[in-house]
């Protein structure tokens, strides 16, 4: 009987080891990998130009300097490139964190920063009927394995000319989403973008947001003409041609692509 029980245990262990990786096991493996940043993407919505100006003043004069004092660098602030029939007032703030603990503890640290409190008083202490914004949407992301840390764009040309292309790839299910993430990493999309000089700032999975499951990434170009020139080089590259017919990725792993064209503010870190 003792030998029978031992055989049973060994059989169960052998079967478990041969099971395909699940999302949970994939996440456990990812959790063991060091130095992958987390990002918060805050999207401010405004109803008036006055609100935009008040929040700009807060971000540039109080919030970003306070983050710098805490050792949080490379904070990006962006606005939509004006296009016809788009009258929305939005500001995007991209903040990198070394860990979720650093992200969670930020507000407590800001409360004790008297310089920040004074510089941002108009925003921080705004009355309920005179708010400096309409709503804030927050998305939390975890950097990809193949680009574990943010790389601010090397572009140095005029900021108003630059194009920061922010893409969100939504997938139908969690498992299909994992397949698309793998396509970027093991499949070679990240490497191809780097080879073709798309100047990526980050690639990351959304771990908390309103359109999950999805991933997001940002590439940068000196101007719109440069952006238009770059994409055909990607779509016709032999590496992409091979990638898109790879049987491993022969499912519709992107069900919706949301693309935003942004430019950096004068006080953005890059």
Foldseek 3Di string as FASTA:
>chain_A
DVVVVVVVVVVVVVVVVPDDDDPVNVVVVVVPDAQAKKKKKKKFWADDVQLVVLVVQLVQFAVVVLCVVVVWDQKFKKFFQDDPPDPTGMIIIMTIDRDVVCVVCVVVSSVPDVSNCVSSVCQVVPDPVGHSTDDMFMWMWIFAPVDRAFDAFPDDPDQSFKWKKKKKFAFPDPVLLVLVSCCVPVVPVVVLCVVLQQRKGTKTATPDGDRPRIIMTIGMDRHVVRVVVSPVCSVPPPSVVVSCPPPSNPDCSGPDMDITIITTDPSRSD
